[in-house]
Structure formats: C-alpha cells, structure tokens
Amino acid sequence: MPEITLQWQQHDQTHSYTVRATDRVTIGRGDTCTVVLLQPTVSRQHALIFAEGETFYVRNLSQTNSIRVNDEQRLKFDQAAPLQPGDVFQLGPVAFQVKGQEELQPLKMKCSNCGRVTDYTPHAYCPWCGMSLAGAETLIGIE
C-alpha cells in the first residue's frame, strides 16, 4: 500500500506522521485535526492530505489562509495539488517535507526486557527475547 511521511519542525522538535493511501489526514490548529499545529496563522482546519489511487494530494480547507507548495504554487480555498517525495508545503510558518519510504532512516528501539537494540516497527516483538516493543520507551535516532 502506498504511503508518504510528513516531517516538520515545531517548537525546536522534529515531528513526523505517516499517511497511508486509505487515510484522510487533517492538519490545523483545531484539536479535532489529525495533526495539530499551535500557530496563530494556521486555520483550525487548514489542510487535508489524501490519496487518489497511488497519488497523494494536499487540499486547502481554509477560506482565509493559503498553502504554499514548493515555493511555486499557492493553493486557495478548496484547491489541491499532488504531492511527491521531496516536495515541501507550508502552512503559516510550518514547512512540511514529504518523504517516501526509501528516504526514511529506520529508527532503532531498545528492548525494555533484554536491552538489545533493533529496528523500530510498530507492533513488533524483540527478535532476541520475544518481548513486545509496543511499551518500549527508548527510540534511538531521533534528532
């Protein structure tokens, strides 16, 4: 199943969110959004990320604020633009980088039971001791 990962900086921290082809992800200031940005220049529901077939899109949900895509295009209300790995779109001061799976460096996780380090995958089990990694606390490789 196709997917992209959005990465952005907020409050000096790097955040990421993986969007699958079946997802509809909203971004905005409102607490009902999938990705919440606490920025006064971001609308309560500012953007929608969705896929049609294998192509992902960003749609502007804001009637007052635009979305900049790759510093070339400004999306007004209800306009959409396709997204590909390497693209950047901006909501207010927050820039989202679009990453494909091949661009992402795997995160590492330290097993809380045996202490060994393995690649992080949600819902995974430690390959050495079999303990679930869902409750592990240590992610390694986050900048």
N, C-alpha and C. Protein backbone atom coordinates (compact mmCIF):
# COMPACT_ATOMS: atom_id res chain seq x y z
N MET A 1 0.84 -1.18 0.00
CA MET A 1 0.00 0.00 0.00
C MET A 1 0.89 1.25 0.00
N PRO A 2 0.62 2.21 -0.90
CA PRO A 2 1.44 3.41 -0.95
C PRO A 2 1.31 4.23 0.33
N GLU A 3 2.40 4.89 0.69
CA GLU A 3 2.38 5.79 1.83
C GLU A 3 3.47 6.82 1.69
N ILE A 4 3.27 7.96 2.36
CA ILE A 4 4.26 9.01 2.45
C ILE A 4 4.40 9.37 3.91
N THR A 5 5.49 10.02 4.24
CA THR A 5 5.68 10.51 5.60
C THR A 5 5.90 12.01 5.55
N LEU A 6 5.17 12.72 6.39
CA LEU A 6 5.32 14.16 6.52
C LEU A 6 6.25 14.44 7.69
N GLN A 7 7.25 15.30 7.49
CA GLN A 7 8.15 15.70 8.57
C GLN A 7 8.13 17.21 8.68
N TRP A 8 8.11 17.72 9.93
CA TRP A 8 8.09 19.15 10.16
C TRP A 8 8.73 19.47 11.49
N GLN A 9 9.11 20.73 11.65
CA GLN A 9 9.70 21.24 12.89
C GLN A 9 8.66 22.09 13.60
N GLN A 10 8.52 21.87 14.89
CA GLN A 10 7.66 22.72 15.71
C GLN A 10 8.25 22.76 17.11
N HIS A 11 8.44 23.97 17.62
CA HIS A 11 9.00 24.17 18.96
C HIS A 11 10.34 23.44 19.10
N ASP A 12 11.20 23.59 18.10
CA ASP A 12 12.55 23.01 18.08
C ASP A 12 12.56 21.49 18.16
N GLN A 13 11.49 20.84 17.76
CA GLN A 13 11.44 19.39 17.71
C GLN A 13 11.00 18.94 16.33
N THR A 14 11.57 17.83 15.87
CA THR A 14 11.17 17.25 14.60
C THR A 14 10.02 16.28 14.84
N HIS A 15 8.98 16.43 14.04
CA HIS A 15 7.81 15.57 14.13
C HIS A 15 7.62 14.87 12.79
N SER A 16 6.96 13.72 12.83
CA SER A 16 6.63 13.04 11.57
C SER A 16 5.31 12.31 11.72
N TYR A 17 4.66 12.12 10.57
CA TYR A 17 3.39 11.42 10.53
C TYR A 17 3.31 10.68 9.21
N THR A 18 3.05 9.38 9.27
CA THR A 18 2.96 8.57 8.06
C THR A 18 1.51 8.53 7.59
N VAL A 19 1.32 8.81 6.30
CA VAL A 19 -0.01 8.84 5.69
C VAL A 19 -0.09 7.67 4.72
N ARG A 20 -1.06 6.80 4.94
CA ARG A 20 -1.30 5.68 4.03
C ARG A 20 -2.36 6.07 3.01
N ALA A 21 -2.42 5.33 1.92
CA ALA A 21 -3.35 5.67 0.83
C ALA A 21 -4.80 5.67 1.27
N THR A 22 -5.14 4.95 2.32
CA THR A 22 -6.53 4.90 2.79
C THR A 22 -6.86 5.98 3.81
N ASP A 23 -5.85 6.77 4.23
CA ASP A 23 -6.04 7.79 5.27
C ASP A 23 -6.55 9.10 4.69
N ARG A 24 -7.24 9.85 5.55
CA ARG A 24 -7.58 11.24 5.27
C ARG A 24 -7.09 12.01 6.50
N VAL A 25 -6.02 12.75 6.33
CA VAL A 25 -5.34 13.41 7.44
C VAL A 25 -5.62 14.91 7.37
N THR A 26 -6.17 15.45 8.46
CA THR A 26 -6.39 16.90 8.54
C THR A 26 -5.28 17.53 9.36
N ILE A 27 -4.89 18.73 8.94
CA ILE A 27 -3.84 19.49 9.63
C ILE A 27 -4.41 20.87 9.93
N GLY A 28 -4.23 21.32 11.17
CA GLY A 28 -4.70 22.64 11.54
C GLY A 28 -4.53 22.92 13.01
N ARG A 29 -5.08 24.05 13.43
CA ARG A 29 -4.97 24.50 14.82
C ARG A 29 -6.01 23.83 15.71
N GLY A 30 -7.10 23.33 15.14
CA GLY A 30 -8.18 22.74 15.92
C GLY A 30 -7.82 21.40 16.52
N ASP A 31 -8.33 21.14 17.71
CA ASP A 31 -7.97 19.90 18.41
C ASP A 31 -8.62 18.66 17.80
N THR A 32 -9.51 18.81 16.83
CA THR A 32 -10.08 17.64 16.15
C THR A 32 -9.24 17.21 14.94
N CYS A 33 -8.20 17.97 14.62
CA CYS A 33 -7.34 17.63 13.48
C CYS A 33 -6.44 16.45 13.83
N THR A 34 -6.05 15.72 12.80
CA THR A 34 -5.12 14.61 12.98
C THR A 34 -3.77 15.13 13.44
N VAL A 35 -3.29 16.19 12.79
CA VAL A 35 -2.03 16.86 13.15
C VAL A 35 -2.39 18.26 13.61
N VAL A 36 -2.10 18.57 14.88
CA VAL A 36 -2.44 19.86 15.46
C VAL A 36 -1.20 20.75 15.50
N LEU A 37 -1.35 21.96 14.93
CA LEU A 37 -0.28 22.96 14.94
C LEU A 37 -0.74 24.15 15.76
N LEU A 38 -0.04 24.46 16.82
CA LEU A 38 -0.42 25.58 17.67
C LEU A 38 0.24 26.86 17.15
N GLN A 39 -0.26 27.33 16.03
CA GLN A 39 0.25 28.54 15.38
C GLN A 39 -0.92 29.46 15.07
N PRO A 40 -0.84 30.74 15.43
CA PRO A 40 -1.97 31.63 15.18
C PRO A 40 -2.27 31.87 13.70
N THR A 41 -1.31 31.68 12.81
CA THR A 41 -1.54 31.90 11.38
C THR A 41 -1.96 30.63 10.64
N VAL A 42 -2.24 29.57 11.39
CA VAL A 42 -2.76 28.33 10.81
C VAL A 42 -4.24 28.24 11.15
N SER A 43 -5.07 27.94 10.17
CA SER A 43 -6.52 27.84 10.39
C SER A 43 -6.86 26.62 11.24
N ARG A 44 -8.07 26.63 11.81
CA ARG A 44 -8.49 25.50 12.64
C ARG A 44 -8.46 24.19 11.84
N GLN A 45 -8.95 24.21 10.63
CA GLN A 45 -8.80 23.09 9.70
C GLN A 45 -8.20 23.69 8.44
N HIS A 46 -6.91 23.51 8.27
CA HIS A 46 -6.19 24.21 7.21
C HIS A 46 -5.95 23.33 5.99
N ALA A 47 -5.60 22.06 6.19
CA ALA A 47 -5.23 21.21 5.06
C ALA A 47 -5.76 19.80 5.24
N LEU A 48 -5.97 19.14 4.10
CA LEU A 48 -6.35 17.74 4.06
C LEU A 48 -5.35 17.02 3.18
N ILE A 49 -4.78 15.92 3.68
CA ILE A 49 -3.90 15.06 2.90
C ILE A 49 -4.68 13.79 2.60
N PHE A 50 -4.73 13.43 1.33
CA PHE A 50 -5.49 12.25 0.91
C PHE A 50 -4.85 11.68 -0.34
N ALA A 51 -5.28 10.49 -0.70
CA ALA A 51 -4.76 9.84 -1.91
C ALA A 51 -5.91 9.49 -2.84
N GLU A 52 -5.62 9.57 -4.11
CA GLU A 52 -6.49 9.03 -5.15
C GLU A 52 -5.63 8.09 -5.96
N GLY A 53 -5.96 6.82 -5.89
CA GLY A 53 -5.07 5.82 -6.50
C GLY A 53 -3.76 5.80 -5.74
N GLU A 54 -2.67 5.99 -6.44
CA GLU A 54 -1.35 5.99 -5.81
C GLU A 54 -0.77 7.39 -5.68
N THR A 55 -1.56 8.41 -5.99
CA THR A 55 -1.10 9.80 -5.91
C THR A 55 -1.68 10.46 -4.67
N PHE A 56 -0.80 11.09 -3.88
CA PHE A 56 -1.22 11.83 -2.69
C PHE A 56 -1.42 13.29 -3.06
N TYR A 57 -2.35 13.94 -2.35
CA TYR A 57 -2.68 15.34 -2.60
C TYR A 57 -2.75 16.10 -1.28
N VAL A 58 -2.53 17.42 -1.36
CA VAL A 58 -2.83 18.34 -0.27
C VAL A 58 -3.93 19.26 -0.78
N ARG A 59 -5.00 19.41 0.01
CA ARG A 59 -6.12 20.29 -0.34
C ARG A 59 -6.23 21.37 0.72
N ASN A 60 -6.46 22.61 0.30
CA ASN A 60 -6.62 23.72 1.22
C ASN A 60 -8.06 23.77 1.72
N LEU A 61 -8.24 23.63 3.04
CA LEU A 61 -9.55 23.70 3.67
C LEU A 61 -9.87 25.08 4.24
N SER A 62 -8.88 25.98 4.20
CA SER A 62 -9.02 27.30 4.81
C SER A 62 -9.56 28.31 3.81
N GLN A 63 -10.57 29.06 4.23
CA GLN A 63 -11.11 30.12 3.37
C GLN A 63 -10.31 31.41 3.49
N THR A 64 -9.43 31.49 4.49
CA THR A 64 -8.68 32.74 4.69
C THR A 64 -7.18 32.61 4.48
N ASN A 65 -6.61 31.42 4.63
CA ASN A 65 -5.16 31.24 4.52
C ASN A 65 -4.82 30.31 3.37
N SER A 66 -3.74 30.63 2.67
CA SER A 66 -3.33 29.78 1.55
C SER A 66 -2.33 28.72 2.03
N ILE A 67 -1.98 27.83 1.12
CA ILE A 67 -0.93 26.83 1.35
C ILE A 67 0.08 27.02 0.23
N ARG A 68 1.34 27.12 0.60
CA ARG A 68 2.40 27.22 -0.41
C ARG A 68 2.96 25.84 -0.69
N VAL A 69 3.11 25.49 -1.95
CA VAL A 69 3.67 24.20 -2.35
C VAL A 69 4.94 24.46 -3.14
N ASN A 70 6.08 23.97 -2.62
CA ASN A 70 7.38 24.09 -3.28
C ASN A 70 7.73 25.53 -3.65
N ASP A 71 7.27 26.50 -2.89
CA ASP A 71 7.53 27.92 -3.15
C ASP A 71 7.14 28.35 -4.55
N GLU A 72 6.36 27.53 -5.27
CA GLU A 72 5.98 27.85 -6.64
C GLU A 72 4.48 28.09 -6.77
N GLN A 73 3.70 27.42 -5.94
CA GLN A 73 2.26 27.41 -6.12
C GLN A 73 1.59 27.79 -4.82
N ARG A 74 0.54 28.62 -4.90
CA ARG A 74 -0.27 28.95 -3.74
C ARG A 74 -1.65 28.35 -3.94
N LEU A 75 -2.05 27.52 -2.99
CA LEU A 75 -3.37 26.91 -3.06
C LEU A 75 -4.36 27.78 -2.29
N LYS A 76 -5.42 28.18 -2.96
CA LYS A 76 -6.51 28.91 -2.31
C LYS A 76 -7.54 27.89 -1.83
N PHE A 77 -8.61 28.37 -1.22
CA PHE A 77 -9.64 27.50 -0.66
C PHE A 77 -10.10 26.45 -1.68
N ASP A 78 -10.11 25.21 -1.24
CA ASP A 78 -10.60 24.04 -1.97
C ASP A 78 -9.73 23.65 -3.17
N GLN A 79 -8.57 24.27 -3.35
CA GLN A 79 -7.66 23.84 -4.40
C GLN A 79 -6.77 22.73 -3.84
N ALA A 80 -6.35 21.83 -4.73
CA ALA A 80 -5.48 20.71 -4.33
C ALA A 80 -4.29 20.63 -5.27
N ALA A 81 -3.21 20.05 -4.76
CA ALA A 81 -2.01 19.83 -5.57
C ALA A 81 -1.45 18.46 -5.23
N PRO A 82 -0.91 17.77 -6.23
CA PRO A 82 -0.30 16.46 -5.95
C PRO A 82 0.98 16.61 -5.14
N LEU A 83 1.28 15.60 -4.34
CA LEU A 83 2.49 15.57 -3.52
C LEU A 83 3.34 14.38 -3.92
N GLN A 84 4.65 14.62 -3.98
CA GLN A 84 5.60 13.55 -4.25
C GLN A 84 6.74 13.66 -3.25
N PRO A 85 7.48 12.57 -3.02
CA PRO A 85 8.65 12.67 -2.15
C PRO A 85 9.57 13.79 -2.64
N GLY A 86 10.02 14.59 -1.69
CA GLY A 86 10.88 15.73 -2.00
C GLY A 86 10.13 17.05 -2.01
N ASP A 87 8.79 17.01 -2.10
CA ASP A 87 8.01 18.23 -2.09
C ASP A 87 7.98 18.84 -0.70
N VAL A 88 7.73 20.15 -0.65
CA VAL A 88 7.57 20.87 0.61
C VAL A 88 6.31 21.72 0.48
N PHE A 89 5.42 21.62 1.48
CA PHE A 89 4.27 22.53 1.52
C PHE A 89 4.27 23.23 2.86
N GLN A 90 3.73 24.45 2.86
CA GLN A 90 3.84 25.29 4.05
C GLN A 90 2.48 25.83 4.47
N LEU A 91 2.20 25.67 5.77
CA LEU A 91 1.01 26.23 6.41
C LEU A 91 1.51 27.27 7.41
N GLY A 92 1.24 28.53 7.16
CA GLY A 92 1.78 29.57 8.03
C GLY A 92 3.30 29.42 8.08
N PRO A 93 3.88 29.40 9.28
CA PRO A 93 5.34 29.29 9.39
C PRO A 93 5.86 27.84 9.38
N VAL A 94 4.98 26.87 9.28
CA VAL A 94 5.38 25.46 9.40
C VAL A 94 5.51 24.83 8.02
N ALA A 95 6.73 24.33 7.72
CA ALA A 95 7.00 23.67 6.44
C ALA A 95 7.01 22.16 6.64
N PHE A 96 6.24 21.46 5.80
CA PHE A 96 6.16 20.01 5.83
C PHE A 96 6.97 19.45 4.66
N GLN A 97 7.88 18.55 4.96
CA GLN A 97 8.63 17.86 3.91
C GLN A 97 7.96 16.52 3.67
N VAL A 98 7.80 16.17 2.40
CA VAL A 98 7.18 14.91 2.01
C VAL A 98 8.29 13.91 1.74
N LYS A 99 8.25 12.80 2.44
CA LYS A 99 9.27 11.77 2.30
C LYS A 99 8.63 10.48 1.84
N GLY A 100 9.31 9.79 0.94
CA GLY A 100 8.91 8.44 0.57
C GLY A 100 9.57 7.45 1.51
N GLN A 101 9.13 6.24 1.52
CA GLN A 101 9.66 5.24 2.44
C GLN A 101 11.16 5.01 2.24
N GLU A 102 11.63 5.11 1.01
CA GLU A 102 13.05 4.87 0.74
C GLU A 102 13.94 5.97 1.32
N GLU A 103 13.38 7.14 1.62
CA GLU A 103 14.16 8.26 2.15
C GLU A 103 14.29 8.23 3.67
N LEU A 104 13.46 7.44 4.33
CA LEU A 104 13.43 7.46 5.79
C LEU A 104 14.50 6.55 6.38
N GLN A 105 15.20 7.06 7.35
CA GLN A 105 16.16 6.25 8.08
C GLN A 105 15.39 5.49 9.15
N PRO A 106 15.62 4.19 9.25
CA PRO A 106 14.87 3.44 10.26
C PRO A 106 15.26 3.87 11.67
N LEU A 107 14.26 4.01 12.50
CA LEU A 107 14.50 4.29 13.91
C LEU A 107 14.88 2.99 14.61
N LYS A 108 15.62 3.10 15.65
CA LYS A 108 16.01 1.95 16.45
C LYS A 108 15.31 2.03 17.79
N MET A 109 15.04 0.86 18.37
CA MET A 109 14.38 0.79 19.65
C MET A 109 15.14 -0.15 20.57
N LYS A 110 15.25 0.27 21.81
CA LYS A 110 15.93 -0.56 22.82
C LYS A 110 14.86 -1.35 23.56
N CYS A 111 14.99 -2.67 23.55
CA CYS A 111 14.05 -3.53 24.23
C CYS A 111 14.14 -3.29 25.74
N SER A 112 12.99 -3.07 26.36
CA SER A 112 12.99 -2.81 27.81
C SER A 112 13.23 -4.08 28.62
N ASN A 113 13.16 -5.25 27.98
CA ASN A 113 13.37 -6.51 28.69
C ASN A 113 14.85 -6.94 28.64
N CYS A 114 15.41 -7.07 27.41
CA CYS A 114 16.78 -7.58 27.29
C CYS A 114 17.81 -6.49 27.02
N GLY A 115 17.36 -5.28 26.66
CA GLY A 115 18.28 -4.17 26.46
C GLY A 115 18.93 -4.12 25.08
N ARG A 116 18.64 -5.06 24.21
CA ARG A 116 19.23 -5.05 22.87
C ARG A 116 18.49 -4.07 21.97
N VAL A 117 19.18 -3.58 20.94
CA VAL A 117 18.64 -2.58 20.04
C VAL A 117 18.25 -3.25 18.72
N THR A 118 17.06 -2.90 18.21
CA THR A 118 16.56 -3.45 16.95
C THR A 118 15.86 -2.34 16.18
N ASP A 119 15.56 -2.58 14.91
CA ASP A 119 14.80 -1.62 14.12
C ASP A 119 13.42 -1.45 14.73
N TYR A 120 12.94 -0.21 14.74
CA TYR A 120 11.61 0.08 15.27
C TYR A 120 10.56 -0.18 14.20
N THR A 121 9.59 -0.97 14.55
CA THR A 121 8.38 -1.13 13.76
C THR A 121 7.23 -1.22 14.75
N PRO A 122 6.16 -0.48 14.51
CA PRO A 122 5.03 -0.57 15.44
C PRO A 122 4.51 -2.01 15.51
N HIS A 123 4.09 -2.41 16.66
CA HIS A 123 3.51 -3.74 16.89
C HIS A 123 4.56 -4.84 16.74
N ALA A 124 5.85 -4.53 16.89
CA ALA A 124 6.90 -5.53 16.71
C ALA A 124 7.26 -6.19 18.04
N TYR A 125 7.96 -7.29 17.89
CA TYR A 125 8.47 -8.02 19.05
C TYR A 125 9.99 -8.08 18.94
N CYS A 126 10.65 -8.10 20.08
CA CYS A 126 12.11 -8.18 20.11
C CYS A 126 12.54 -9.51 19.48
N PRO A 127 13.46 -9.48 18.50
CA PRO A 127 13.88 -10.73 17.85
C PRO A 127 14.71 -11.63 18.77
N TRP A 128 15.23 -11.08 19.88
CA TRP A 128 16.06 -11.88 20.77
C TRP A 128 15.28 -12.51 21.92
N CYS A 129 14.39 -11.74 22.56
CA CYS A 129 13.69 -12.29 23.72
C CYS A 129 12.19 -12.45 23.51
N GLY A 130 11.64 -11.91 22.42
CA GLY A 130 10.24 -12.07 22.12
C GLY A 130 9.30 -11.09 22.81
N MET A 131 9.84 -10.18 23.60
CA MET A 131 9.03 -9.20 24.33
C MET A 131 8.43 -8.19 23.34
N SER A 132 7.20 -7.78 23.58
CA SER A 132 6.57 -6.77 22.73
C SER A 132 7.32 -5.45 22.86
N LEU A 133 7.54 -4.78 21.73
CA LEU A 133 8.22 -3.48 21.73
C LEU A 133 7.23 -2.33 21.83
N ALA A 134 5.96 -2.62 21.90
CA ALA A 134 4.94 -1.55 21.96
C ALA A 134 5.11 -0.69 23.19
N GLY A 135 5.58 -1.22 24.28
CA GLY A 135 5.75 -0.46 25.51
C GLY A 135 7.16 0.03 25.74
N ALA A 136 8.06 -0.22 24.80
CA ALA A 136 9.45 0.22 24.97
C ALA A 136 9.50 1.73 24.99
N GLU A 137 10.39 2.27 25.78
CA GLU A 137 10.44 3.72 25.99
C GLU A 137 11.53 4.39 25.18
N THR A 138 12.51 3.68 24.71
CA THR A 138 13.67 4.33 24.11
C THR A 138 13.69 4.20 22.60
N LEU A 139 13.53 5.33 21.92
CA LEU A 139 13.73 5.39 20.48
C LEU A 139 15.10 5.99 20.25
N ILE A 140 15.89 5.39 19.39
CA ILE A 140 17.23 5.87 19.10
C ILE A 140 17.25 6.35 17.67
N GLY A 141 17.85 7.51 17.42
CA GLY A 141 17.94 8.01 16.07
C GLY A 141 17.05 9.22 15.83
N ILE A 142 16.36 9.69 16.85
CA ILE A 142 15.56 10.91 16.72
C ILE A 142 16.46 12.09 17.03
N GLU A 143 16.48 13.04 16.10
CA GLU A 143 17.32 14.23 16.32
C GLU A 143 16.57 15.27 17.09
